[in-house]
Amino acid sequence: MTDTELWAAWRVWMGVATVVVLIAATLLIVILLTARRILADAVRALHAVEKIRAQTQPIWGLQDTNEVAENILATVQSVEQKATLLGAALTHKAAVR
């Protein structure tokens, strides 16, 4: 192989190497830009989830409200039963006199 052929081959392979490096760099830049978009979307999604969580937080308080309402209902029913018995006893006492 002559020097001219050697230089020609070297130029060809340098050209091929340059193209490979440019393609790799382009792919890396595309990957970087895609990763940044994914990060931005993830941050937006996180903020949306935080807002949803804040807005649905009162739903979890409904369980406590329901428990308190059940206790109040049980108390009212107990008072009603006792009042009915008391009313019946007073009616019976008044009828006996």
PDB file of N, CA and C in Angstrom:
ATOM      1  N   MET A   1       0.853  -1.169   0.000  1.00  0.00           N
ATOM      2  CA  MET A   1       0.000   0.000   0.000  1.00  0.00           C
ATOM      3  C   MET A   1       0.899   1.232   0.000  1.00  0.00           C
ATOM      4  N   THR A   2       0.611   2.137  -0.885  1.00  0.00           N
ATOM      5  CA  THR A   2       1.426   3.347  -1.009  1.00  0.00           C
ATOM      6  C   THR A   2       0.964   4.363   0.022  1.00  0.00           C
ATOM      7  N   ASP A   3       1.797   5.378   0.150  1.00  0.00           N
ATOM      8  CA  ASP A   3       1.448   6.435   1.104  1.00  0.00           C
ATOM      9  C   ASP A   3       0.139   7.114   0.703  1.00  0.00           C
ATOM     10  N   THR A   4      -0.075   7.307  -0.550  1.00  0.00           N
ATOM     11  CA  THR A   4      -1.304   7.956  -1.024  1.00  0.00           C
ATOM     12  C   THR A   4      -2.517   7.109  -0.681  1.00  0.00           C
ATOM     13  N   GLU A   5      -2.398   5.815  -0.880  1.00  0.00           N
ATOM     14  CA  GLU A   5      -3.507   4.916  -0.553  1.00  0.00           C
ATOM     15  C   GLU A   5      -3.751   4.885   0.955  1.00  0.00           C
ATOM     16  N   LEU A   6      -2.644   4.903   1.709  1.00  0.00           N
ATOM     17  CA  LEU A   6      -2.760   4.905   3.168  1.00  0.00           C
ATOM     18  C   LEU A   6      -3.473   6.156   3.654  1.00  0.00           C
ATOM     19  N   TRP A   7      -3.100   7.321   3.119  1.00  0.00           N
ATOM     20  CA  TRP A   7      -3.762   8.578   3.493  1.00  0.00           C
ATOM     21  C   TRP A   7      -5.217   8.574   3.054  1.00  0.00           C
ATOM     22  N   ALA A   8      -5.508   8.017   1.935  1.00  0.00           N
ATOM     23  CA  ALA A   8      -6.889   7.951   1.456  1.00  0.00           C
ATOM     24  C   ALA A   8      -7.722   7.066   2.383  1.00  0.00           C
ATOM     25  N   ALA A   9      -7.172   5.926   2.769  1.00  0.00           N
ATOM     26  CA  ALA A   9      -7.877   5.028   3.681  1.00  0.00           C
ATOM     27  C   ALA A   9      -8.067   5.691   5.045  1.00  0.00           C
ATOM     28  N   TRP A  10      -7.033   6.392   5.490  1.00  0.00           N
ATOM     29  CA  TRP A  10      -7.111   7.084   6.778  1.00  0.00           C
ATOM     30  C   TRP A  10      -8.216   8.123   6.743  1.00  0.00           C
ATOM     31  N   ARG A  11      -8.304   8.886   5.649  1.00  0.00           N
ATOM     32  CA  ARG A  11      -9.363   9.907   5.512  1.00  0.00           C
ATOM     33  C   ARG A  11     -10.746   9.257   5.510  1.00  0.00           C
ATOM     34  N   VAL A  12     -10.886   8.153   4.813  1.00  0.00           N
ATOM     35  CA  VAL A  12     -12.182   7.465   4.763  1.00  0.00           C
ATOM     36  C   VAL A  12     -12.591   7.019   6.165  1.00  0.00           C
ATOM     37  N   TRP A  13     -11.666   6.382   6.864  1.00  0.00           N
ATOM     38  CA  TRP A  13     -12.006   5.897   8.204  1.00  0.00           C
ATOM     39  C   TRP A  13     -12.203   7.033   9.201  1.00  0.00           C
ATOM     40  N   MET A  14     -11.487   8.118   9.029  1.00  0.00           N
ATOM     41  CA  MET A  14     -11.731   9.293   9.883  1.00  0.00           C
ATOM     42  C   MET A  14     -13.119   9.869   9.599  1.00  0.00           C
ATOM     43  N   GLY A  15     -13.489   9.859   8.321  1.00  0.00           N
ATOM     44  CA  GLY A  15     -14.834  10.314   7.950  1.00  0.00           C
ATOM     45  C   GLY A  15     -15.902   9.416   8.571  1.00  0.00           C
ATOM     46  N   VAL A  16     -15.684   8.096   8.501  1.00  0.00           N
ATOM     47  CA  VAL A  16     -16.621   7.142   9.103  1.00  0.00           C
ATOM     48  C   VAL A  16     -16.685   7.360  10.617  1.00  0.00           C
ATOM     49  N   ALA A  17     -15.530   7.528  11.242  1.00  0.00           N
ATOM     50  CA  ALA A  17     -15.491   7.757  12.684  1.00  0.00           C
ATOM     51  C   ALA A  17     -16.212   9.048  13.045  1.00  0.00           C
ATOM     52  N   THR A  18     -16.020  10.082  12.232  1.00  0.00           N
ATOM     53  CA  THR A  18     -16.691  11.358  12.486  1.00  0.00           C
ATOM     54  C   THR A  18     -18.206  11.200  12.397  1.00  0.00           C
ATOM     55  N   VAL A  19     -18.651  10.479  11.378  1.00  0.00           N
ATOM     56  CA  VAL A  19     -20.096  10.250  11.231  1.00  0.00           C
ATOM     57  C   VAL A  19     -20.631   9.463  12.424  1.00  0.00           C
ATOM     58  N   VAL A  20     -19.922   8.444  12.864  1.00  0.00           N
ATOM     59  CA  VAL A  20     -20.353   7.636  14.015  1.00  0.00           C
ATOM     60  C   VAL A  20     -20.422   8.507  15.270  1.00  0.00           C
ATOM     61  N   VAL A  21     -19.404   9.335  15.487  1.00  0.00           N
ATOM     62  CA  VAL A  21     -19.395  10.214  16.664  1.00  0.00           C
ATOM     63  C   VAL A  21     -20.544  11.209  16.587  1.00  0.00           C
ATOM     64  N   LEU A  22     -20.813  11.778  15.420  1.00  0.00           N
ATOM     65  CA  LEU A  22     -21.918  12.728  15.263  1.00  0.00           C
ATOM     66  C   LEU A  22     -23.268  12.053  15.518  1.00  0.00           C
ATOM     67  N   ILE A  23     -23.436  10.839  15.017  1.00  0.00           N
ATOM     68  CA  ILE A  23     -24.685  10.109  15.258  1.00  0.00           C
ATOM     69  C   ILE A  23     -24.847   9.823  16.751  1.00  0.00           C
ATOM     70  N   ALA A  24     -23.765   9.370  17.391  1.00  0.00           N
ATOM     71  CA  ALA A  24     -23.822   9.081  18.826  1.00  0.00           C
ATOM     72  C   ALA A  24     -24.132  10.349  19.624  1.00  0.00           C
ATOM     73  N   ALA A  25     -23.488  11.452  19.262  1.00  0.00           N
ATOM     74  CA  ALA A  25     -23.739  12.715  19.959  1.00  0.00           C
ATOM     75  C   ALA A  25     -25.187  13.163  19.769  1.00  0.00           C
ATOM     76  N   THR A  26     -25.695  13.016  18.548  1.00  0.00           N
ATOM     77  CA  THR A  26     -27.083  13.391  18.275  1.00  0.00           C
ATOM     78  C   THR A  26     -28.039  12.546  19.111  1.00  0.00           C
ATOM     79  N   LEU A  27     -27.781  11.237  19.162  1.00  0.00           N
ATOM     80  CA  LEU A  27     -28.630  10.365  19.970  1.00  0.00           C
ATOM     81  C   LEU A  27     -28.573  10.729  21.447  1.00  0.00           C
ATOM     82  N   LEU A  28     -27.400  11.047  21.938  1.00  0.00           N
ATOM     83  CA  LEU A  28     -27.269  11.451  23.343  1.00  0.00           C
ATOM     84  C   LEU A  28     -28.012  12.751  23.625  1.00  0.00           C
ATOM     85  N   ILE A  29     -27.946  13.693  22.703  1.00  0.00           N
ATOM     86  CA  ILE A  29     -28.672  14.954  22.880  1.00  0.00           C
ATOM     87  C   ILE A  29     -30.170  14.708  22.875  1.00  0.00           C
ATOM     88  N   VAL A  30     -30.626  13.855  21.967  1.00  0.00           N
ATOM     89  CA  VAL A  30     -32.058  13.525  21.931  1.00  0.00           C
ATOM     90  C   VAL A  30     -32.480  12.851  23.231  1.00  0.00           C
ATOM     91  N   ILE A  31     -31.664  11.937  23.725  1.00  0.00           N
ATOM     92  CA  ILE A  31     -31.967  11.262  24.990  1.00  0.00           C
ATOM     93  C   ILE A  31     -32.010  12.268  26.134  1.00  0.00           C
ATOM     94  N   LEU A  32     -31.058  13.191  26.166  1.00  0.00           N
ATOM     95  CA  LEU A  32     -31.023  14.211  27.209  1.00  0.00           C
ATOM     96  C   LEU A  32     -32.273  15.085  27.159  1.00  0.00           C
ATOM     97  N   LEU A  33     -32.655  15.533  25.971  1.00  0.00           N
ATOM     98  CA  LEU A  33     -33.849  16.373  25.842  1.00  0.00           C
ATOM     99  C   LEU A  33     -35.108  15.608  26.242  1.00  0.00           C
ATOM    100  N   THR A  34     -35.184  14.339  25.867  1.00  0.00           N
ATOM    101  CA  THR A  34     -36.335  13.509  26.248  1.00  0.00           C
ATOM    102  C   THR A  34     -36.383  13.324  27.759  1.00  0.00           C
ATOM    103  N   ALA A  35     -35.239  13.105  28.370  1.00  0.00           N
ATOM    104  CA  ALA A  35     -35.182  12.941  29.823  1.00  0.00           C
ATOM    105  C   ALA A  35     -35.629  14.219  30.526  1.00  0.00           C
ATOM    106  N   ARG A  36     -35.230  15.361  30.009  1.00  0.00           N
ATOM    107  CA  ARG A  36     -35.657  16.634  30.612  1.00  0.00           C
ATOM    108  C   ARG A  36     -37.165  16.825  30.482  1.00  0.00           C
ATOM    109  N   ARG A  37     -37.727  16.435  29.330  1.00  0.00           N
ATOM    110  CA  ARG A  37     -39.190  16.529  29.158  1.00  0.00           C
ATOM    111  C   ARG A  37     -39.906  15.594  30.118  1.00  0.00           C
ATOM    112  N   ILE A  38     -39.360  14.393  30.271  1.00  0.00           N
ATOM    113  CA  ILE A  38     -39.958  13.447  31.210  1.00  0.00           C
ATOM    114  C   ILE A  38     -39.905  14.004  32.624  1.00  0.00           C
ATOM    115  N   LEU A  39     -38.782  14.596  32.990  1.00  0.00           N
ATOM    116  CA  LEU A  39     -38.662  15.203  34.311  1.00  0.00           C
ATOM    117  C   LEU A  39     -39.681  16.318  34.496  1.00  0.00           C
ATOM    118  N   ALA A  40     -39.823  17.176  33.505  1.00  0.00           N
ATOM    119  CA  ALA A  40     -40.798  18.268  33.598  1.00  0.00           C
ATOM    120  C   ALA A  40     -42.214  17.721  33.728  1.00  0.00           C
ATOM    121  N   ASP A  41     -42.539  16.686  32.961  1.00  0.00           N
ATOM    122  CA  ASP A  41     -43.865  16.073  33.061  1.00  0.00           C
ATOM    123  C   ASP A  41     -44.066  15.434  34.431  1.00  0.00           C
ATOM    124  N   ALA A  42     -43.036  14.807  34.952  1.00  0.00           N
ATOM    125  CA  ALA A  42     -43.127  14.173  36.265  1.00  0.00           C
ATOM    126  C   ALA A  42     -43.339  15.213  37.354  1.00  0.00           C
ATOM    127  N   VAL A  43     -42.667  16.339  37.252  1.00  0.00           N
ATOM    128  CA  VAL A  43     -42.841  17.410  38.240  1.00  0.00           C
ATOM    129  C   VAL A  43     -44.266  17.950  38.168  1.00  0.00           C
ATOM    130  N   ARG A  44     -44.787  18.156  36.943  1.00  0.00           N
ATOM    131  CA  ARG A  44     -46.174  18.617  36.802  1.00  0.00           C
ATOM    132  C   ARG A  44     -47.148  17.601  37.375  1.00  0.00           C
ATOM    133  N   ALA A  45     -46.887  16.326  37.119  1.00  0.00           N
ATOM    134  CA  ALA A  45     -47.759  15.271  37.646  1.00  0.00           C
ATOM    135  C   ALA A  45     -47.703  15.235  39.170  1.00  0.00           C
ATOM    136  N   LEU A  46     -46.524  15.427  39.739  1.00  0.00           N
ATOM    137  CA  LEU A  46     -46.385  15.445  41.192  1.00  0.00           C
ATOM    138  C   LEU A  46     -47.173  16.591  41.796  1.00  0.00           C
ATOM    139  N   HIS A  47     -47.102  17.765  41.187  1.00  0.00           N
ATOM    140  CA  HIS A  47     -47.872  18.911  41.683  1.00  0.00           C
ATOM    141  C   HIS A  47     -49.364  18.632  41.582  1.00  0.00           C
ATOM    142  N   ALA A  48     -49.781  18.004  40.498  1.00  0.00           N
ATOM    143  CA  ALA A  48     -51.202  17.670  40.338  1.00  0.00           C
ATOM    144  C   ALA A  48     -51.639  16.673  41.404  1.00  0.00           C
ATOM    145  N   VAL A  49     -50.800  15.690  41.688  1.00  0.00           N
ATOM    146  CA  VAL A  49     -51.133  14.698  42.716  1.00  0.00           C
ATOM    147  C   VAL A  49     -51.212  15.354  44.086  1.00  0.00           C
ATOM    148  N   GLU A  50     -50.318  16.290  44.359  1.00  0.00           N
ATOM    149  CA  GLU A  50     -50.359  16.991  45.641  1.00  0.00           C
ATOM    150  C   GLU A  50     -51.646  17.799  45.774  1.00  0.00           C
ATOM    151  N   LYS A  51     -52.077  18.454  44.688  1.00  0.00           N
ATOM    152  CA  LYS A  51     -53.337  19.201  44.723  1.00  0.00           C
ATOM    153  C   LYS A  51     -54.520  18.266  44.920  1.00  0.00           C
ATOM    154  N   ILE A  52     -54.504  17.135  44.212  1.00  0.00           N
ATOM    155  CA  ILE A  52     -55.587  16.158  44.363  1.00  0.00           C
ATOM    156  C   ILE A  52     -55.627  15.644  45.794  1.00  0.00           C
ATOM    157  N   ARG A  53     -54.472  15.365  46.353  1.00  0.00           N
ATOM    158  CA  ARG A  53     -54.412  14.884  47.741  1.00  0.00           C
ATOM    159  C   ARG A  53     -54.984  15.912  48.699  1.00  0.00           C
ATOM    160  N   ALA A  54     -54.615  17.165  48.506  1.00  0.00           N
ATOM    161  CA  ALA A  54     -55.123  18.222  49.385  1.00  0.00           C
ATOM    162  C   ALA A  54     -56.640  18.375  49.240  1.00  0.00           C
ATOM    163  N   GLN A  55     -57.139  18.237  48.018  1.00  0.00           N
ATOM    164  CA  GLN A  55     -58.567  18.417  47.794  1.00  0.00           C
ATOM    165  C   GLN A  55     -59.386  17.217  48.254  1.00  0.00           C
ATOM    166  N   THR A  56     -58.779  16.040  48.323  1.00  0.00           N
ATOM    167  CA  THR A  56     -59.525  14.858  48.751  1.00  0.00           C
ATOM    168  C   THR A  56     -59.279  14.516  50.218  1.00  0.00           C
ATOM    169  N   GLN A  57     -58.474  15.286  50.889  1.00  0.00           N
ATOM    170  CA  GLN A  57     -58.187  15.038  52.305  1.00  0.00           C
ATOM    171  C   GLN A  57     -59.458  15.029  53.151  1.00  0.00           C
ATOM    172  N   PRO A  58     -60.430  15.925  52.916  1.00  0.00           N
ATOM    173  CA  PRO A  58     -61.652  15.884  53.735  1.00  0.00           C
ATOM    174  C   PRO A  58     -62.423  14.567  53.621  1.00  0.00           C
ATOM    175  N   ILE A  59     -62.251  13.846  52.541  1.00  0.00           N
ATOM    176  CA  ILE A  59     -62.951  12.563  52.392  1.00  0.00           C
ATOM    177  C   ILE A  59     -62.531  11.613  53.505  1.00  0.00           C
ATOM    178  N   TRP A  60     -61.254  11.656  53.870  1.00  0.00           N
ATOM    179  CA  TRP A  60     -60.778  10.767  54.930  1.00  0.00           C
ATOM    180  C   TRP A  60     -61.380  11.157  56.268  1.00  0.00           C
ATOM    181  N   GLY A  61     -61.740  12.414  56.427  1.00  0.00           N
ATOM    182  CA  GLY A  61     -62.391  12.862  57.656  1.00  0.00           C
ATOM    183  C   GLY A  61     -63.832  12.392  57.748  1.00  0.00           C
ATOM    184  N   LEU A  62     -64.420  11.965  56.643  1.00  0.00           N
ATOM    185  CA  LEU A  62     -65.801  11.488  56.665  1.00  0.00           C
ATOM    186  C   LEU A  62     -65.951  10.232  57.510  1.00  0.00           C
ATOM    187  N   GLN A  63     -64.931   9.411  57.570  1.00  0.00           N
ATOM    188  CA  GLN A  63     -64.994   8.212  58.413  1.00  0.00           C
ATOM    189  C   GLN A  63     -65.179   8.618  59.867  1.00  0.00           C
ATOM    190  N   ASP A  64     -64.419   9.607  60.329  1.00  0.00           N
ATOM    191  CA  ASP A  64     -64.574  10.090  61.707  1.00  0.00           C
ATOM    192  C   ASP A  64     -65.964  10.691  61.902  1.00  0.00           C
ATOM    193  N   THR A  65     -66.426  11.448  60.913  1.00  0.00           N
ATOM    194  CA  THR A  65     -67.752  12.058  60.998  1.00  0.00           C
ATOM    195  C   THR A  65     -68.828  10.986  61.086  1.00  0.00           C
ATOM    196  N   ASN A  66     -68.683   9.945  60.276  1.00  0.00           N
ATOM    197  CA  ASN A  66     -69.657   8.851  60.315  1.00  0.00           C
ATOM    198  C   ASN A  66     -69.658   8.146  61.664  1.00  0.00           C
ATOM    199  N   GLU A  67     -68.497   7.931  62.239  1.00  0.00           N
ATOM    200  CA  GLU A  67     -68.419   7.291  63.553  1.00  0.00           C
ATOM    201  C   GLU A  67     -69.081   8.146  64.622  1.00  0.00           C
ATOM    202  N   VAL A  68     -68.831   9.447  64.594  1.00  0.00           N
ATOM    203  CA  VAL A  68     -69.465  10.350  65.557  1.00  0.00           C
ATOM    204  C   VAL A  68     -70.976  10.362  65.353  1.00  0.00           C
ATOM    205  N   ALA A  69     -71.418  10.386  64.092  1.00  0.00           N
ATOM    206  CA  ALA A  69     -72.856  10.376  63.813  1.00  0.00           C
ATOM    207  C   ALA A  69     -73.500   9.087  64.311  1.00  0.00           C
ATOM    208  N   GLU A  70     -72.818   7.957  64.157  1.00  0.00           N
ATOM    209  CA  GLU A  70     -73.344   6.690  64.667  1.00  0.00           C
ATOM    210  C   GLU A  70     -73.451   6.715  66.191  1.00  0.00           C
ATOM    211  N   ASN A  71     -72.470   7.289  66.864  1.00  0.00           N
ATOM    212  CA  ASN A  71     -72.518   7.411  68.327  1.00  0.00           C
ATOM    213  C   ASN A  71     -73.673   8.313  68.757  1.00  0.00           C
ATOM    214  N   ILE A  72     -73.858   9.414  68.055  1.00  0.00           N
ATOM    215  CA  ILE A  72     -74.959  10.320  68.379  1.00  0.00           C
ATOM    216  C   ILE A  72     -76.295   9.617  68.171  1.00  0.00           C
ATOM    217  N   LEU A  73     -76.423   8.886  67.060  1.00  0.00           N
ATOM    218  CA  LEU A  73     -77.652   8.152  66.773  1.00  0.00           C
ATOM    219  C   LEU A  73     -77.936   7.133  67.865  1.00  0.00           C
ATOM    220  N   ALA A  74     -76.907   6.398  68.293  1.00  0.00           N
ATOM    221  CA  ALA A  74     -77.096   5.407  69.362  1.00  0.00           C
ATOM    222  C   ALA A  74     -77.534   6.089  70.652  1.00  0.00           C
ATOM    223  N   THR A  75     -76.954   7.226  70.957  1.00  0.00           N
ATOM    224  CA  THR A  75     -77.329   7.957  72.169  1.00  0.00           C
ATOM    225  C   THR A  75     -78.767   8.456  72.083  1.00  0.00           C
ATOM    226  N   VAL A  76     -79.123   9.010  70.930  1.00  0.00           N
ATOM    227  CA  VAL A  76     -80.489   9.515  70.745  1.00  0.00           C
ATOM    228  C   VAL A  76     -81.496   8.364  70.838  1.00  0.00           C
ATOM    229  N   GLN A  77     -81.173   7.219  70.258  1.00  0.00           N
ATOM    230  CA  GLN A  77     -82.077   6.066  70.336  1.00  0.00           C
ATOM    231  C   GLN A  77     -82.223   5.584  71.774  1.00  0.00           C
ATOM    232  N   SER A  78     -81.116   5.602  72.520  1.00  0.00           N
ATOM    233  CA  SER A  78     -81.171   5.212  73.932  1.00  0.00           C
ATOM    234  C   SER A  78     -82.041   6.183  74.724  1.00  0.00           C
ATOM    235  N   VAL A  79     -81.863   7.478  74.488  1.00  0.00           N
ATOM    236  CA  VAL A  79     -82.679   8.488  75.166  1.00  0.00           C
ATOM    237  C   VAL A  79     -84.147   8.316  74.783  1.00  0.00           C
ATOM    238  N   GLU A  80     -84.402   8.032  73.511  1.00  0.00           N
ATOM    239  CA  GLU A  80     -85.781   7.839  73.046  1.00  0.00           C
ATOM    240  C   GLU A  80     -86.431   6.639  73.744  1.00  0.00           C
ATOM    241  N   GLN A  81     -85.680   5.552  73.868  1.00  0.00           N
ATOM    242  CA  GLN A  81     -86.227   4.371  74.540  1.00  0.00           C
ATOM    243  C   GLN A  81     -86.552   4.669  76.000  1.00  0.00           C
ATOM    244  N   LYS A  82     -85.651   5.359  76.665  1.00  0.00           N
ATOM    245  CA  LYS A  82     -85.866   5.690  78.081  1.00  0.00           C
ATOM    246  C   LYS A  82     -87.020   6.667  78.232  1.00  0.00           C
ATOM    247  N   ALA A  83     -87.114   7.623  77.294  1.00  0.00           N
ATOM    248  CA  ALA A  83     -88.216   8.584  77.353  1.00  0.00           C
ATOM    249  C   ALA A  83     -89.549   7.881  77.105  1.00  0.00           C
ATOM    250  N   THR A  84     -89.559   6.921  76.211  1.00  0.00           N
ATOM    251  CA  THR A  84     -90.787   6.160  75.940  1.00  0.00           C
ATOM    252  C   THR A  84     -91.194   5.362  77.173  1.00  0.00           C
ATOM    253  N   LEU A  85     -90.238   4.711  77.817  1.00  0.00           N
ATOM    254  CA  LEU A  85     -90.527   3.959  79.029  1.00  0.00           C
ATOM    255  C   LEU A  85     -91.008   4.883  80.148  1.00  0.00           C
ATOM    256  N   LEU A  86     -90.375   6.033  80.265  1.00  0.00           N
ATOM    257  CA  LEU A  86     -90.776   7.001  81.291  1.00  0.00           C
ATOM    258  C   LEU A  86     -92.175   7.513  81.009  1.00  0.00           C
ATOM    259  N   GLY A  87     -92.457   7.818  79.732  1.00  0.00           N
ATOM    260  CA  GLY A  87     -93.798   8.289  79.366  1.00  0.00           C
ATOM    261  C   GLY A  87     -94.844   7.218  79.631  1.00  0.00           C
ATOM    262  N   ALA A  88     -94.514   5.989  79.330  1.00  0.00           N
ATOM    263  CA  ALA A  88     -95.454   4.884  79.576  1.00  0.00           C
ATOM    264  C   ALA A  88     -95.677   4.718  81.071  1.00  0.00           C
ATOM    265  N   ALA A  89     -94.600   4.816  81.844  1.00  0.00           N
ATOM    266  CA  ALA A  89     -94.728   4.683  83.312  1.00  0.00           C
ATOM    267  C   ALA A  89     -95.564   5.812  83.874  1.00  0.00           C
ATOM    268  N   LEU A  90     -95.359   7.041  83.397  1.00  0.00           N
ATOM    269  CA  LEU A  90     -96.144   8.174  83.882  1.00  0.00           C
ATOM    270  C   LEU A  90     -97.617   8.048  83.464  1.00  0.00           C
ATOM    271  N   THR A  91     -97.854   7.572  82.251  1.00  0.00           N
ATOM    272  CA  THR A  91     -99.232   7.370  81.784  1.00  0.00           C
ATOM    273  C   THR A  91     -99.909   6.299  82.615  1.00  0.00           C
ATOM    274  N   HIS A  92     -99.197   5.222  82.906  1.00  0.00           N
ATOM    275  CA  HIS A  92     -99.737   4.143  83.697  1.00  0.00           C
ATOM    276  C   HIS A  92    -100.028   4.611  85.119  1.00  0.00           C
ATOM    277  N   LYS A  93     -99.127   5.420  85.702  1.00  0.00           N
ATOM    278  CA  LYS A  93     -99.291   5.935  87.046  1.00  0.00           C
ATOM    279  C   LYS A  93    -100.489   6.858  87.119  1.00  0.00           C
ATOM    280  N   ALA A  94    -100.640   7.698  86.074  1.00  0.00           N
ATOM    281  CA  ALA A  94    -101.782   8.636  86.047  1.00  0.00           C
ATOM    282  C   ALA A  94    -103.095   7.870  85.878  1.00  0.00           C
ATOM    283  N   ALA A  95    -103.083   6.790  85.156  1.00  0.00           N
ATOM    284  CA  ALA A  95    -104.295   5.996  84.943  1.00  0.00           C
ATOM    285  C   ALA A  95    -104.674   5.257  86.204  1.00  0.00           C
ATOM    286  N   VAL A  96    -103.728   4.862  87.017  1.00  0.00           N
ATOM    287  CA  VAL A  96    -103.993   4.155  88.270  1.00  0.00           C
ATOM    288  C   VAL A  96    -104.619   5.089  89.273  1.00  0.00           C
ATOM    289  N   ARG A  97    -104.360   6.327  89.301  1.00  0.00           N
ATOM    290  CA  ARG A  97    -104.885   7.279  90.280  1.00  0.00           C
ATOM    291  C   ARG A  97    -106.271   7.547  90.003  1.00  0.00           C
TER     292      ARG A  97
END
